[in-house]
Amino acid sequence: MRIVVTGATGNVGTSVVEALGGDPGVDSVLGLARREPDWTAPKTEWAAADVVTADLAPLFRGADAVIHLAWAFHPTHDSAATWRTNVIGSTRVFDAVAAAGVPALVYASSVGAYSPGPKDRAVDESWPTHGWPGASYTREKAYVERVLDAFEAAHPDRRVVRLRPGFIFKREAAQEQRRIFGGPLVPNLRAGLLPVVPDIPGLRFQTLHTTDAAEAYRLAALGDARGPFNVAADPVVGAAELADLLGARRVRVPAALVRGAVWAGWQLNLVPASPGLFDAVLRIPIMDTGRARRDLGWSPRYSSLDALREFLEGLRTGAGLPTPPLTPHPPGGRLRELLTSRR
């Protein structure tokens, strides 16, 4: 089998190509990214390709499956720019899959595609996917779900899988995630550094280790599953779990107060994550992962807390990989992050 992976040099992409390269049923992997990495993975060759501008069909031709991971979080102040990459780019990927005759498409959706939902019970894959309208990320994830609906209707002969994971962490991606969500002023955290954890109403979410996410993508690409799958590890994480993990004390804080701080930091270009994304996190539902375990044959090796511990270890040690997204020491460092926060 030959598998093509878009967005192959990021947090999830690097683990996906490693998982595919370790499978004896995979002969070759083509990793696509805007910039080629100084990093190698088994059975993997690289090609520079931007999903917004590249001629993708020739790159997909002859593939048994395309795994579409490419996604842009920045610039959060320019929703038209992220729309071009995430919505127009994804639409071009799907069109190229059709034109190249690729029989299977695996798409990286997200818990963020879901409409606001309950925190006290888990919802399955039938929960509406209209996103939260106040954040570019959730709007775009929801819109691409509609694009995929149209793709499936037009190409019923293609096998389409949508994975909807929770928040995905590994040690080597910690610095990238700090840059994406926390910004240049966030220190390299370690347990015991923070005295308190804000206990915000609605702060309950699901995570998983990137290795486990990659295994779900491998199973989706190489098997015969179709449709959407929720993917996350236990336990659900809230303020109590975060406080235990960080050795901190919980302090009840109104969501409006934290949102105001996020809004101020975002307006001053000190925090890249928008207040709309904060609103979305407080509203995303808790997902039932039973279908992935039954029909995909997937189960996580790591707990959600294991994934968060690795993230904290990666922050503390400055871990990374020699790929453009995961490099721990990008050109210009934190000063360049500050100066280019709107780009």
C-alpha atoms as a PDB file:
ATOM      1  CA  MET A   1       0.000   0.000   0.000  1.00  0.00           C
ATOM      2  CA  ARG A   2       0.991   3.610  -0.596  1.00  0.00           C
ATOM      3  CA  ILE A   3      -0.344   6.279   1.738  1.00  0.00           C
ATOM      4  CA  VAL A   4      -0.149  10.057   1.290  1.00  0.00           C
ATOM      5  CA  VAL A   5      -0.242  12.271   4.394  1.00  0.00           C
ATOM      6  CA  THR A   6      -0.815  16.024   4.228  1.00  0.00           C
ATOM      7  CA  GLY A   7       0.479  18.106   7.113  1.00  0.00           C
ATOM      8  CA  ALA A   8       3.001  15.362   7.790  1.00  0.00           C
ATOM      9  CA  THR A   9       5.561  17.369   9.778  1.00  0.00           C
ATOM     10  CA  GLY A  10       3.429  18.536  12.725  1.00  0.00           C
ATOM     11  CA  ASN A  11       2.377  17.065  16.048  1.00  0.00           C
ATOM     12  CA  VAL A  12       0.084  14.391  14.618  1.00  0.00           C
ATOM     13  CA  GLY A  13       1.701  14.043  11.184  1.00  0.00           C
ATOM     14  CA  THR A  14       5.122  12.970  12.475  1.00  0.00           C
ATOM     15  CA  SER A  15       3.549  10.234  14.590  1.00  0.00           C
ATOM     16  CA  VAL A  16       1.253   9.130  11.757  1.00  0.00           C
ATOM     17  CA  VAL A  17       4.099   8.609   9.285  1.00  0.00           C
ATOM     18  CA  GLU A  18       6.029   6.701  11.959  1.00  0.00           C
ATOM     19  CA  ALA A  19       3.024   4.464  12.640  1.00  0.00           C
ATOM     20  CA  LEU A  20       2.500   3.824   8.925  1.00  0.00           C
ATOM     21  CA  GLY A  21       6.186   3.181   8.346  1.00  0.00           C
ATOM     22  CA  GLY A  22       6.165   0.530  11.053  1.00  0.00           C
ATOM     23  CA  ASP A  23       3.262  -1.369   9.481  1.00  0.00           C
ATOM     24  CA  PRO A  24       4.365  -4.304   7.278  1.00  0.00           C
ATOM     25  CA  GLY A  25       1.323  -3.761   5.064  1.00  0.00           C
ATOM     26  CA  VAL A  26       2.550  -0.308   4.028  1.00  0.00           C
ATOM     27  CA  ASP A  27       5.112  -0.136   1.234  1.00  0.00           C
ATOM     28  CA  SER A  28       5.622   3.629   1.063  1.00  0.00           C
ATOM     29  CA  VAL A  29       4.470   6.901   2.596  1.00  0.00           C
ATOM     30  CA  LEU A  30       4.532  10.305   0.919  1.00  0.00           C
ATOM     31  CA  GLY A  31       4.632  13.098   3.470  1.00  0.00           C
ATOM     32  CA  LEU A  32       3.449  16.495   2.236  1.00  0.00           C
ATOM     33  CA  ALA A  33       4.151  19.788   3.995  1.00  0.00           C
ATOM     34  CA  ARG A  34       4.775  23.390   3.030  1.00  0.00           C
ATOM     35  CA  ARG A  35       8.439  22.935   3.994  1.00  0.00           C
ATOM     36  CA  GLU A  36      10.384  19.685   3.927  1.00  0.00           C
ATOM     37  CA  PRO A  37      11.921  18.606   7.254  1.00  0.00           C
ATOM     38  CA  ASP A  38      15.432  17.600   8.286  1.00  0.00           C
ATOM     39  CA  TRP A  39      13.908  14.466   9.767  1.00  0.00           C
ATOM     40  CA  THR A  40      13.441  10.951   8.453  1.00  0.00           C
ATOM     41  CA  ALA A  41      10.845   8.272   9.092  1.00  0.00           C
ATOM     42  CA  PRO A  42      10.681   4.660   7.856  1.00  0.00           C
ATOM     43  CA  LYS A  43       9.435   4.181   4.278  1.00  0.00           C
ATOM     44  CA  THR A  44       8.715   7.913   4.024  1.00  0.00           C
ATOM     45  CA  GLU A  45       9.648  10.355   1.287  1.00  0.00           C
ATOM     46  CA  TRP A  46       8.877  14.060   1.447  1.00  0.00           C
ATOM     47  CA  ALA A  47       7.496  16.626  -0.954  1.00  0.00           C
ATOM     48  CA  ALA A  48       6.912  20.353  -0.435  1.00  0.00           C
ATOM     49  CA  ALA A  49       3.270  21.126  -1.211  1.00  0.00           C
ATOM     50  CA  ASP A  50       0.910  23.806   0.063  1.00  0.00           C
ATOM     51  CA  VAL A  51      -2.662  22.496  -0.059  1.00  0.00           C
ATOM     52  CA  VAL A  52      -3.881  25.949  -1.153  1.00  0.00           C
ATOM     53  CA  THR A  53      -1.672  26.258  -4.244  1.00  0.00           C
ATOM     54  CA  ALA A  54      -0.064  22.918  -5.173  1.00  0.00           C
ATOM     55  CA  ASP A  55      -1.233  20.624  -7.949  1.00  0.00           C
ATOM     56  CA  LEU A  56      -2.249  17.806  -5.634  1.00  0.00           C
ATOM     57  CA  ALA A  57      -3.765  15.217  -7.977  1.00  0.00           C
ATOM     58  CA  PRO A  58      -0.393  14.049  -9.410  1.00  0.00           C
ATOM     59  CA  LEU A  59       0.923  13.629  -5.865  1.00  0.00           C
ATOM     60  CA  PHE A  60      -2.117  11.549  -4.893  1.00  0.00           C
ATOM     61  CA  ARG A  61      -2.178   9.383  -8.003  1.00  0.00           C
ATOM     62  CA  GLY A  62      -1.525   5.720  -7.207  1.00  0.00           C
ATOM     63  CA  ALA A  63      -2.195   6.130  -3.481  1.00  0.00           C
ATOM     64  CA  ASP A  64      -4.412   3.679  -1.628  1.00  0.00           C
ATOM     65  CA  ALA A  65      -5.421   6.330   0.915  1.00  0.00           C
ATOM     66  CA  VAL A  66      -4.914  10.012   1.680  1.00  0.00           C
ATOM     67  CA  ILE A  67      -4.780  11.129   5.301  1.00  0.00           C
ATOM     68  CA  HIS A  68      -5.547  14.852   5.424  1.00  0.00           C
ATOM     69  CA  LEU A  69      -4.027  16.499   8.508  1.00  0.00           C
ATOM     70  CA  ALA A  70      -2.895  19.901   7.167  1.00  0.00           C
ATOM     71  CA  TRP A  71      -4.420  22.729   9.210  1.00  0.00           C
ATOM     72  CA  ALA A  72      -3.448  26.281  10.151  1.00  0.00           C
ATOM     73  CA  PHE A  73      -4.198  27.796  13.566  1.00  0.00           C
ATOM     74  CA  HIS A  74      -2.579  31.164  12.833  1.00  0.00           C
ATOM     75  CA  PRO A  75      -3.134  34.011  12.293  1.00  0.00           C
ATOM     76  CA  THR A  76      -6.085  34.108  14.675  1.00  0.00           C
ATOM     77  CA  HIS A  77      -6.535  37.834  13.897  1.00  0.00           C
ATOM     78  CA  ASP A  78      -7.089  37.062  10.208  1.00  0.00           C
ATOM     79  CA  SER A  79      -9.892  34.556   9.760  1.00  0.00           C
ATOM     80  CA  ALA A  80      -9.736  34.924   5.964  1.00  0.00           C
ATOM     81  CA  ALA A  81      -6.174  33.561   6.003  1.00  0.00           C
ATOM     82  CA  THR A  82      -7.052  30.477   8.060  1.00  0.00           C
ATOM     83  CA  TRP A  83     -10.173  29.957   5.926  1.00  0.00           C
ATOM     84  CA  ARG A  84      -7.989  29.788   2.811  1.00  0.00           C
ATOM     85  CA  THR A  85      -5.787  27.083   4.271  1.00  0.00           C
ATOM     86  CA  ASN A  86      -8.341  25.115   6.229  1.00  0.00           C
ATOM     87  CA  VAL A  87     -11.513  25.280   4.152  1.00  0.00           C
ATOM     88  CA  ILE A  88     -10.311  26.039   0.631  1.00  0.00           C
ATOM     89  CA  GLY A  89      -7.221  23.882   1.155  1.00  0.00           C
ATOM     90  CA  SER A  90      -9.291  20.954   2.443  1.00  0.00           C
ATOM     91  CA  THR A  91     -11.743  21.310  -0.450  1.00  0.00           C
ATOM     92  CA  ARG A  92      -8.814  21.162  -2.886  1.00  0.00           C
ATOM     93  CA  VAL A  93      -7.521  18.025  -1.150  1.00  0.00           C
ATOM     94  CA  PHE A  94     -10.907  16.331  -1.478  1.00  0.00           C
ATOM     95  CA  ASP A  95     -11.200  17.344  -5.131  1.00  0.00           C
ATOM     96  CA  ALA A  96      -7.724  15.953  -5.802  1.00  0.00           C
ATOM     97  CA  VAL A  97      -8.636  12.671  -4.082  1.00  0.00           C
ATOM     98  CA  ALA A  98     -11.558  12.366  -6.500  1.00  0.00           C
ATOM     99  CA  ALA A  99      -9.513  13.370  -9.553  1.00  0.00           C
ATOM    100  CA  ALA A 100      -6.677  10.962  -8.717  1.00  0.00           C
ATOM    101  CA  GLY A 101      -9.011   8.049  -8.096  1.00  0.00           C
ATOM    102  CA  VAL A 102      -7.854   7.475  -4.515  1.00  0.00           C
ATOM    103  CA  PRO A 103     -10.216   4.913  -2.946  1.00  0.00           C
ATOM    104  CA  ALA A 104      -9.983   6.090   0.684  1.00  0.00           C
ATOM    105  CA  LEU A 105      -9.865   9.465   2.422  1.00  0.00           C
ATOM    106  CA  VAL A 106      -9.191   9.925   6.140  1.00  0.00           C
ATOM    107  CA  TYR A 107      -9.859  13.431   7.427  1.00  0.00           C
ATOM    108  CA  ALA A 108      -8.706  15.022  10.690  1.00  0.00           C
ATOM    109  CA  SER A 109     -11.858  16.542  12.115  1.00  0.00           C
ATOM    110  CA  SER A 110     -12.026  17.477  15.795  1.00  0.00           C
ATOM    111  CA  VAL A 111     -14.116  17.628  18.928  1.00  0.00           C
ATOM    112  CA  GLY A 112     -14.222  21.316  17.952  1.00  0.00           C
ATOM    113  CA  ALA A 113     -16.551  20.462  15.074  1.00  0.00           C
ATOM    114  CA  TYR A 114     -19.303  19.561  17.525  1.00  0.00           C
ATOM    115  CA  SER A 115     -22.055  21.921  18.559  1.00  0.00           C
ATOM    116  CA  PRO A 116     -22.100  22.893  22.258  1.00  0.00           C
ATOM    117  CA  GLY A 117     -22.950  19.867  24.346  1.00  0.00           C
ATOM    118  CA  PRO A 118     -23.109  18.356  27.810  1.00  0.00           C
ATOM    119  CA  LYS A 119     -20.198  18.024  30.220  1.00  0.00           C
ATOM    120  CA  ASP A 120     -21.930  15.529  32.527  1.00  0.00           C
ATOM    121  CA  ARG A 121     -22.531  12.764  29.972  1.00  0.00           C
ATOM    122  CA  ALA A 122     -20.892  11.575  26.764  1.00  0.00           C
ATOM    123  CA  VAL A 123     -22.332  12.059  23.270  1.00  0.00           C
ATOM    124  CA  ASP A 124     -21.764   9.797  20.302  1.00  0.00           C
ATOM    125  CA  GLU A 125     -20.953  10.652  16.686  1.00  0.00           C
ATOM    126  CA  SER A 126     -24.571  11.583  15.927  1.00  0.00           C
ATOM    127  CA  TRP A 127     -24.253  14.826  17.944  1.00  0.00           C
ATOM    128  CA  PRO A 128     -24.621  17.857  15.601  1.00  0.00           C
ATOM    129  CA  THR A 129     -21.431  19.181  14.037  1.00  0.00           C
ATOM    130  CA  HIS A 130     -22.206  22.879  13.691  1.00  0.00           C
ATOM    131  CA  GLY A 131     -19.277  24.025  15.833  1.00  0.00           C
ATOM    132  CA  TRP A 132     -19.133  27.133  17.996  1.00  0.00           C
ATOM    133  CA  PRO A 133     -19.701  30.229  15.820  1.00  0.00           C
ATOM    134  CA  GLY A 134     -17.404  32.516  17.805  1.00  0.00           C
ATOM    135  CA  ALA A 135     -14.060  30.933  16.864  1.00  0.00           C
ATOM    136  CA  SER A 136     -12.433  30.495  13.465  1.00  0.00           C
ATOM    137  CA  TYR A 137     -11.153  27.029  14.367  1.00  0.00           C
ATOM    138  CA  THR A 138     -14.561  25.626  15.285  1.00  0.00           C
ATOM    139  CA  ARG A 139     -16.361  27.373  12.403  1.00  0.00           C
ATOM    140  CA  GLU A 140     -13.879  25.948   9.913  1.00  0.00           C
ATOM    141  CA  LYS A 141     -13.961  22.437  11.362  1.00  0.00           C
ATOM    142  CA  ALA A 142     -17.756  22.466  11.144  1.00  0.00           C
ATOM    143  CA  TYR A 143     -17.764  23.837   7.594  1.00  0.00           C
ATOM    144  CA  VAL A 144     -15.345  21.173   6.355  1.00  0.00           C
ATOM    145  CA  GLU A 145     -17.712  18.543   7.774  1.00  0.00           C
ATOM    146  CA  ARG A 146     -20.357  19.951   5.390  1.00  0.00           C
ATOM    147  CA  VAL A 147     -17.869  19.858   2.511  1.00  0.00           C
ATOM    148  CA  LEU A 148     -17.241  16.198   3.296  1.00  0.00           C
ATOM    149  CA  ASP A 149     -20.993  15.540   3.333  1.00  0.00           C
ATOM    150  CA  ALA A 150     -21.131  16.824  -0.246  1.00  0.00           C
ATOM    151  CA  PHE A 151     -18.011  14.822  -1.208  1.00  0.00           C
ATOM    152  CA  GLU A 152     -19.525  11.585   0.096  1.00  0.00           C
ATOM    153  CA  ALA A 153     -22.800  12.236  -1.720  1.00  0.00           C
ATOM    154  CA  ALA A 154     -20.950  12.880  -4.996  1.00  0.00           C
ATOM    155  CA  HIS A 155     -18.524   9.959  -4.584  1.00  0.00           C
ATOM    156  CA  PRO A 156     -20.308   7.082  -2.850  1.00  0.00           C
ATOM    157  CA  ASP A 157     -17.624   4.696  -4.119  1.00  0.00           C
ATOM    158  CA  ARG A 158     -14.955   6.362  -1.933  1.00  0.00           C
ATOM    159  CA  ARG A 159     -14.415   5.240   1.631  1.00  0.00           C
ATOM    160  CA  VAL A 160     -14.405   8.305   3.910  1.00  0.00           C
ATOM    161  CA  VAL A 161     -13.385   8.298   7.570  1.00  0.00           C
ATOM    162  CA  ARG A 162     -13.604  11.319   9.888  1.00  0.00           C
ATOM    163  CA  LEU A 163     -11.654  11.160  13.121  1.00  0.00           C
ATOM    164  CA  ARG A 164     -12.824  13.567  15.831  1.00  0.00           C
ATOM    165  CA  PRO A 165     -10.130  13.556  18.505  1.00  0.00           C
ATOM    166  CA  GLY A 166      -9.852  15.485  21.725  1.00  0.00           C
ATOM    167  CA  PHE A 167      -6.759  17.589  22.459  1.00  0.00           C
ATOM    168  CA  ILE A 168      -3.625  15.761  21.310  1.00  0.00           C
ATOM    169  CA  PHE A 169      -0.283  15.950  23.135  1.00  0.00           C
ATOM    170  CA  LYS A 170       3.218  14.513  23.021  1.00  0.00           C
ATOM    171  CA  ARG A 171       6.545  15.625  24.421  1.00  0.00           C
ATOM    172  CA  GLU A 172       8.048  16.708  21.108  1.00  0.00           C
ATOM    173  CA  ALA A 173       5.102  18.972  20.231  1.00  0.00           C
ATOM    174  CA  ALA A 174       5.025  20.955  23.487  1.00  0.00           C
ATOM    175  CA  GLN A 175       6.938  23.978  22.213  1.00  0.00           C
ATOM    176  CA  GLU A 176       4.846  24.152  19.040  1.00  0.00           C
ATOM    177  CA  GLN A 177       1.652  24.084  21.117  1.00  0.00           C
ATOM    178  CA  ARG A 178       2.982  26.762  23.432  1.00  0.00           C
ATOM    179  CA  ARG A 179       3.625  28.942  20.362  1.00  0.00           C
ATOM    180  CA  ILE A 180       0.169  28.218  18.905  1.00  0.00           C
ATOM    181  CA  PHE A 181      -1.943  28.673  22.017  1.00  0.00           C
ATOM    182  CA  GLY A 182       0.072  30.217  24.823  1.00  0.00           C
ATOM    183  CA  GLY A 183       2.391  32.680  23.147  1.00  0.00           C
ATOM    184  CA  PRO A 184       5.875  34.013  23.818  1.00  0.00           C
ATOM    185  CA  LEU A 185       5.293  34.972  27.457  1.00  0.00           C
ATOM    186  CA  VAL A 186       4.292  31.486  28.648  1.00  0.00           C
ATOM    187  CA  PRO A 187       7.170  30.023  30.678  1.00  0.00           C
ATOM    188  CA  ASN A 188       8.446  26.450  30.411  1.00  0.00           C
ATOM    189  CA  LEU A 189       6.061  25.071  33.017  1.00  0.00           C
ATOM    190  CA  ARG A 190       6.763  22.209  35.348  1.00  0.00           C
ATOM    191  CA  ALA A 191       4.854  20.631  38.207  1.00  0.00           C
ATOM    192  CA  GLY A 192       4.952  22.839  41.284  1.00  0.00           C
ATOM    193  CA  LEU A 193       5.581  26.070  39.386  1.00  0.00           C
ATOM    194  CA  LEU A 194       1.942  27.224  39.439  1.00  0.00           C
ATOM    195  CA  PRO A 195       0.489  27.708  42.929  1.00  0.00           C
ATOM    196  CA  VAL A 196      -3.156  27.661  41.772  1.00  0.00           C
ATOM    197  CA  VAL A 197      -5.290  26.311  38.958  1.00  0.00           C
ATOM    198  CA  PRO A 198      -8.411  28.313  38.017  1.00  0.00           C
ATOM    199  CA  ASP A 199     -11.545  26.225  38.565  1.00  0.00           C
ATOM    200  CA  ILE A 200     -13.687  27.585  35.731  1.00  0.00           C
ATOM    201  CA  PRO A 201     -17.288  26.420  35.219  1.00  0.00           C
ATOM    202  CA  GLY A 202     -17.390  24.254  32.109  1.00  0.00           C
ATOM    203  CA  LEU A 203     -13.668  23.450  32.118  1.00  0.00           C
ATOM    204  CA  ARG A 204     -13.873  19.726  31.344  1.00  0.00           C
ATOM    205  CA  PHE A 205     -12.190  18.303  28.258  1.00  0.00           C
ATOM    206  CA  GLN A 206     -10.664  15.159  26.759  1.00  0.00           C
ATOM    207  CA  THR A 207      -7.115  14.528  25.638  1.00  0.00           C
ATOM    208  CA  LEU A 208      -5.041  11.721  24.173  1.00  0.00           C
ATOM    209  CA  HIS A 209      -1.422  10.977  23.398  1.00  0.00           C
ATOM    210  CA  THR A 210      -0.331  11.660  19.835  1.00  0.00           C
ATOM    211  CA  THR A 211       0.889   8.070  19.487  1.00  0.00           C
ATOM    212  CA  ASP A 212      -2.641   6.846  20.182  1.00  0.00           C
ATOM    213  CA  ALA A 213      -4.100   9.351  17.724  1.00  0.00           C
ATOM    214  CA  ALA A 214      -1.637   8.095  15.095  1.00  0.00           C
ATOM    215  CA  GLU A 215      -2.744   4.526  15.702  1.00  0.00           C
ATOM    216  CA  ALA A 216      -6.339   5.556  15.036  1.00  0.00           C
ATOM    217  CA  TYR A 217      -5.285   7.116  11.725  1.00  0.00           C
ATOM    218  CA  ARG A 218      -3.327   3.993  10.787  1.00  0.00           C
ATOM    219  CA  LEU A 219      -6.315   1.757  11.487  1.00  0.00           C
ATOM    220  CA  ALA A 220      -8.635   4.096   9.570  1.00  0.00           C
ATOM    221  CA  ALA A 221      -6.374   4.221   6.517  1.00  0.00           C
ATOM    222  CA  LEU A 222      -5.585   0.506   6.311  1.00  0.00           C
ATOM    223  CA  GLY A 223      -8.908  -0.995   7.381  1.00  0.00           C
ATOM    224  CA  ASP A 224     -12.406  -0.896   5.956  1.00  0.00           C
ATOM    225  CA  ALA A 225     -14.110   1.443   8.441  1.00  0.00           C
ATOM    226  CA  ARG A 226     -16.282   4.302   7.274  1.00  0.00           C
ATOM    227  CA  GLY A 227     -17.823   7.341   8.888  1.00  0.00           C
ATOM    228  CA  PRO A 228     -16.997   9.395  11.990  1.00  0.00           C
ATOM    229  CA  PHE A 229     -15.143   8.218  15.082  1.00  0.00           C
ATOM    230  CA  ASN A 230     -14.638   9.964  18.414  1.00  0.00           C
ATOM    231  CA  VAL A 231     -11.130   9.400  19.753  1.00  0.00           C
ATOM    232  CA  ALA A 232     -10.014  10.270  23.300  1.00  0.00           C
ATOM    233  CA  ALA A 233      -8.480   8.719  26.391  1.00  0.00           C
ATOM    234  CA  ASP A 234      -9.673   8.530  29.979  1.00  0.00           C
ATOM    235  CA  PRO A 235     -10.109  10.214  32.367  1.00  0.00           C
ATOM    236  CA  VAL A 236     -11.950  13.377  31.396  1.00  0.00           C
ATOM    237  CA  VAL A 237      -9.779  16.294  32.565  1.00  0.00           C
ATOM    238  CA  GLY A 238     -11.068  19.119  34.717  1.00  0.00           C
ATOM    239  CA  ALA A 239      -9.702  21.519  37.284  1.00  0.00           C
ATOM    240  CA  ALA A 240      -9.247  18.753  39.889  1.00  0.00           C
ATOM    241  CA  GLU A 241      -7.135  16.637  37.561  1.00  0.00           C
ATOM    242  CA  LEU A 242      -5.067  19.633  36.467  1.00  0.00           C
ATOM    243  CA  ALA A 243      -4.469  20.675  40.059  1.00  0.00           C
ATOM    244  CA  ASP A 244      -3.277  17.191  41.008  1.00  0.00           C
ATOM    245  CA  LEU A 245      -1.037  17.043  37.961  1.00  0.00           C
ATOM    246  CA  LEU A 246       0.557  20.417  38.674  1.00  0.00           C
ATOM    247  CA  GLY A 247       0.655  20.091  42.450  1.00  0.00           C
ATOM    248  CA  ALA A 248      -1.482  23.221  42.689  1.00  0.00           C
ATOM    249  CA  ARG A 249      -4.552  24.377  44.569  1.00  0.00           C
ATOM    250  CA  ARG A 250      -7.913  24.913  42.875  1.00  0.00           C
ATOM    251  CA  VAL A 251      -9.419  28.381  43.058  1.00  0.00           C
ATOM    252  CA  ARG A 252     -12.930  29.041  41.753  1.00  0.00           C
ATOM    253  CA  VAL A 253     -12.765  31.775  39.115  1.00  0.00           C
ATOM    254  CA  PRO A 254     -15.645  33.153  37.008  1.00  0.00           C
ATOM    255  CA  ALA A 255     -15.314  32.316  33.320  1.00  0.00           C
ATOM    256  CA  ALA A 256     -15.933  35.970  32.428  1.00  0.00           C
ATOM    257  CA  LEU A 257     -12.852  37.051  34.372  1.00  0.00           C
ATOM    258  CA  VAL A 258     -10.575  34.581  32.594  1.00  0.00           C
ATOM    259  CA  ARG A 259     -12.146  35.420  29.254  1.00  0.00           C
ATOM    260  CA  GLY A 260     -11.446  39.097  29.856  1.00  0.00           C
ATOM    261  CA  ALA A 261      -7.782  38.323  30.490  1.00  0.00           C
ATOM    262  CA  VAL A 262      -7.591  36.208  27.327  1.00  0.00           C
ATOM    263  CA  TRP A 263      -9.303  38.956  25.329  1.00  0.00           C
ATOM    264  CA  ALA A 264      -6.839  41.584  26.592  1.00  0.00           C
ATOM    265  CA  GLY A 265      -3.835  39.381  25.862  1.00  0.00           C
ATOM    266  CA  TRP A 266      -5.170  38.593  22.391  1.00  0.00           C
ATOM    267  CA  GLN A 267      -5.805  42.251  21.587  1.00  0.00           C
ATOM    268  CA  LEU A 268      -2.266  43.118  22.718  1.00  0.00           C
ATOM    269  CA  ASN A 269      -0.783  40.258  20.630  1.00  0.00           C
ATOM    270  CA  LEU A 270       0.535  38.575  23.769  1.00  0.00           C
ATOM    271  CA  VAL A 271      -1.753  35.520  23.562  1.00  0.00           C
ATOM    272  CA  PRO A 272      -2.369  33.855  20.176  1.00  0.00           C
ATOM    273  CA  ALA A 273      -5.453  31.903  21.294  1.00  0.00           C
ATOM    274  CA  SER A 274      -8.574  34.009  20.744  1.00  0.00           C
ATOM    275  CA  PRO A 275     -11.301  34.580  23.358  1.00  0.00           C
ATOM    276  CA  GLY A 276     -13.661  32.801  20.965  1.00  0.00           C
ATOM    277  CA  LEU A 277     -11.553  29.668  21.242  1.00  0.00           C
ATOM    278  CA  PHE A 278     -11.729  29.939  25.037  1.00  0.00           C
ATOM    279  CA  ASP A 279     -15.522  30.121  24.744  1.00  0.00           C
ATOM    280  CA  ALA A 280     -15.511  27.038  22.517  1.00  0.00           C
ATOM    281  CA  VAL A 281     -13.447  24.964  24.954  1.00  0.00           C
ATOM    282  CA  LEU A 282     -15.993  25.624  27.703  1.00  0.00           C
ATOM    283  CA  ARG A 283     -18.807  24.420  25.426  1.00  0.00           C
ATOM    284  CA  ILE A 284     -17.444  21.359  23.594  1.00  0.00           C
ATOM    285  CA  PRO A 285     -19.186  18.148  24.636  1.00  0.00           C
ATOM    286  CA  ILE A 286     -17.684  15.104  26.282  1.00  0.00           C
ATOM    287  CA  MET A 287     -17.383  12.398  23.617  1.00  0.00           C
ATOM    288  CA  ASP A 288     -18.316   8.719  23.798  1.00  0.00           C
ATOM    289  CA  THR A 289     -15.463   6.728  22.205  1.00  0.00           C
ATOM    290  CA  GLY A 290     -17.279   3.392  22.110  1.00  0.00           C
ATOM    291  CA  ARG A 291     -17.586   3.286  18.314  1.00  0.00           C
ATOM    292  CA  ALA A 292     -13.828   3.671  17.807  1.00  0.00           C
ATOM    293  CA  ARG A 293     -13.180   0.827  20.222  1.00  0.00           C
ATOM    294  CA  ARG A 294     -15.803  -1.449  18.651  1.00  0.00           C
ATOM    295  CA  ASP A 295     -15.642  -0.731  14.928  1.00  0.00           C
ATOM    296  CA  LEU A 296     -12.135   0.642  14.440  1.00  0.00           C
ATOM    297  CA  GLY A 297     -10.466  -1.759  16.865  1.00  0.00           C
ATOM    298  CA  TRP A 298      -8.778   1.180  18.599  1.00  0.00           C
ATOM    299  CA  SER A 299      -7.893   1.606  22.241  1.00  0.00           C
ATOM    300  CA  PRO A 300      -5.422   4.057  23.798  1.00  0.00           C
ATOM    301  CA  ARG A 301      -2.174   2.912  25.364  1.00  0.00           C
ATOM    302  CA  TYR A 302      -1.775   6.140  27.335  1.00  0.00           C
ATOM    303  CA  SER A 303      -4.177   7.851  29.698  1.00  0.00           C
ATOM    304  CA  SER A 304      -5.153  11.471  29.216  1.00  0.00           C
ATOM    305  CA  LEU A 305      -2.971  12.364  32.208  1.00  0.00           C
ATOM    306  CA  ASP A 306       0.007  10.533  30.679  1.00  0.00           C
ATOM    307  CA  ALA A 307      -0.384  12.734  27.602  1.00  0.00           C
ATOM    308  CA  LEU A 308      -0.499  15.895  29.709  1.00  0.00           C
ATOM    309  CA  ARG A 309       2.555  14.804  31.719  1.00  0.00           C
ATOM    310  CA  GLU A 310       4.489  14.385  28.490  1.00  0.00           C
ATOM    311  CA  PHE A 311       3.384  17.826  27.354  1.00  0.00           C
ATOM    312  CA  LEU A 312       4.639  19.381  30.601  1.00  0.00           C
ATOM    313  CA  GLU A 313       7.908  17.466  30.317  1.00  0.00           C
ATOM    314  CA  GLY A 314       8.313  18.748  26.774  1.00  0.00           C
ATOM    315  CA  LEU A 315       7.763  22.311  27.953  1.00  0.00           C
ATOM    316  CA  ARG A 316      10.264  21.939  30.775  1.00  0.00           C
ATOM    317  CA  THR A 317      12.994  20.390  28.647  1.00  0.00           C
ATOM    318  CA  GLY A 318      12.414  22.274  25.385  1.00  0.00           C
ATOM    319  CA  ALA A 319      11.806  19.051  23.452  1.00  0.00           C
ATOM    320  CA  GLY A 320      11.099  19.015  19.732  1.00  0.00           C
ATOM    321  CA  LEU A 321      11.885  17.449  16.372  1.00  0.00           C
ATOM    322  CA  PRO A 322      13.818  18.801  13.353  1.00  0.00           C
ATOM    323  CA  THR A 323      10.706  19.715  11.389  1.00  0.00           C
ATOM    324  CA  PRO A 324       9.604  23.327  10.779  1.00  0.00           C
ATOM    325  CA  PRO A 325       6.517  23.112  13.041  1.00  0.00           C
ATOM    326  CA  LEU A 326       8.165  21.130  15.859  1.00  0.00           C
ATOM    327  CA  THR A 327      11.580  22.746  16.056  1.00  0.00           C
ATOM    328  CA  PRO A 328      12.185  23.872  19.646  1.00  0.00           C
ATOM    329  CA  HIS A 329      14.348  26.781  18.494  1.00  0.00           C
ATOM    330  CA  PRO A 330      12.749  28.560  15.511  1.00  0.00           C
ATOM    331  CA  PRO A 331      14.621  31.481  13.924  1.00  0.00           C
ATOM    332  CA  GLY A 332      14.258  34.617  16.006  1.00  0.00           C
ATOM    333  CA  GLY A 333      12.935  32.773  19.047  1.00  0.00           C
ATOM    334  CA  ARG A 334      10.273  34.303  21.267  1.00  0.00           C
ATOM    335  CA  LEU A 335      11.002  37.841  20.124  1.00  0.00           C
ATOM    336  CA  ARG A 336      10.055  36.907  16.572  1.00  0.00           C
ATOM    337  CA  GLU A 337       6.900  35.226  17.917  1.00  0.00           C
ATOM    338  CA  LEU A 338       5.932  38.502  19.557  1.00  0.00           C
ATOM    339  CA  LEU A 339       6.654  40.599  16.481  1.00  0.00           C
ATOM    340  CA  THR A 340       4.814  38.286  14.061  1.00  0.00           C
ATOM    341  CA  SER A 341       1.849  37.311  16.236  1.00  0.00           C
ATOM    342  CA  ARG A 342      -0.711  38.730  13.764  1.00  0.00           C
ATOM    343  CA  ARG A 343       0.786  37.039  10.709  1.00  0.00           C
END
